[in-house]
Amino acid sequence: MIQIFTQSGHSTEVEQRLYRTIAKHLEALGIAGEDIFVSIMENGPQDWPFGFGRAQYVQGDLAVPGR
């Protein structure tokens, strides 16, 4: 089981490519495709506080990736 936490905004095409790439690399290690479970959890910049009790993306301390 692979769980990925990321900010929202990725297209279905990008996610499908990611799934195929993960399966390809894990199958090369002997892990069967049917044994690979991937979950992507998306949220927004307000959900990423990097310490000090502040959401740095929201407060402008950090640039939001992809914007």
Protein backbone atom coordinates (compact mmCIF):
# COMPACT_ATOMS: atom_id res chain seq x y z
CA MET A 1 0.00 0.00 0.00
CA ILE A 2 1.37 3.36 -1.05
CA GLN A 3 -0.26 6.54 0.18
CA ILE A 4 0.70 9.84 -1.40
CA PHE A 5 -0.15 13.19 0.20
CA THR A 6 -0.03 16.09 -2.25
CA GLN A 7 -1.63 19.38 -3.12
CA SER A 8 -4.63 19.27 -5.43
CA GLY A 9 -4.41 20.12 -9.08
CA HIS A 10 -2.95 17.04 -10.77
CA SER A 11 -4.82 15.81 -13.83
CA THR A 12 -6.20 12.29 -14.09
CA GLU A 13 -3.71 11.68 -16.92
CA VAL A 14 -0.77 12.57 -14.65
CA GLU A 15 -2.09 10.34 -11.88
CA GLN A 16 -2.63 7.42 -14.29
CA ARG A 17 0.95 7.80 -15.53
CA LEU A 18 2.17 7.78 -11.92
CA TYR A 19 0.23 4.56 -11.19
CA ARG A 20 1.74 2.86 -14.26
CA THR A 21 5.24 3.98 -13.33
CA ILE A 22 4.92 2.74 -9.76
CA ALA A 23 3.58 -0.63 -10.95
CA LYS A 24 6.35 -0.98 -13.54
CA HIS A 25 9.11 -0.35 -11.01
CA LEU A 26 7.61 -2.56 -8.30
CA GLU A 27 6.92 -5.41 -10.73
CA ALA A 28 10.62 -5.28 -11.70
CA LEU A 29 11.30 -6.05 -8.03
CA GLY A 30 8.98 -9.05 -8.08
CA ILE A 31 5.86 -7.41 -6.65
CA ALA A 32 2.75 -8.49 -8.58
CA GLY A 33 0.58 -5.74 -10.05
CA GLU A 34 -2.49 -7.00 -8.20
CA ASP A 35 -0.64 -6.52 -4.91
CA ILE A 36 -0.04 -2.80 -5.48
CA PHE A 37 -2.54 -0.38 -3.96
CA VAL A 38 -2.01 3.38 -4.38
CA SER A 39 -4.03 6.09 -2.68
CA ILE A 40 -3.62 9.78 -3.41
CA MET A 41 -4.85 12.22 -0.77
CA GLU A 42 -5.11 15.79 -2.08
CA ASN A 43 -5.60 19.00 -0.19
CA GLY A 44 -4.78 22.69 -0.55
CA PRO A 45 -2.02 25.08 0.52
CA GLN A 46 -3.91 25.95 3.71
CA ASP A 47 -3.39 22.34 4.85
CA TRP A 48 0.42 22.43 4.83
CA PRO A 49 1.83 24.11 7.94
CA PHE A 50 5.59 23.61 8.13
CA GLY A 51 6.12 24.27 11.81
CA PHE A 52 5.67 27.17 14.19
CA GLY A 53 1.87 26.83 14.07
CA ARG A 54 1.62 28.73 10.77
CA ALA A 55 0.46 27.79 7.28
CA GLN A 56 3.39 29.36 5.43
CA TYR A 57 1.80 29.03 1.98
CA VAL A 58 -1.26 30.97 3.13
CA GLN A 59 0.76 33.63 4.94
CA GLY A 60 3.04 34.16 1.92
CA ASP A 61 6.22 32.89 3.62
CA LEU A 62 6.49 30.21 0.91
CA ALA A 63 5.49 30.21 -2.74
CA VAL A 64 2.73 27.70 -3.51
CA PRO A 65 4.13 25.10 -5.96
CA GLY A 66 2.59 25.31 -9.40
CA ARG A 67 1.23 28.81 -8.97
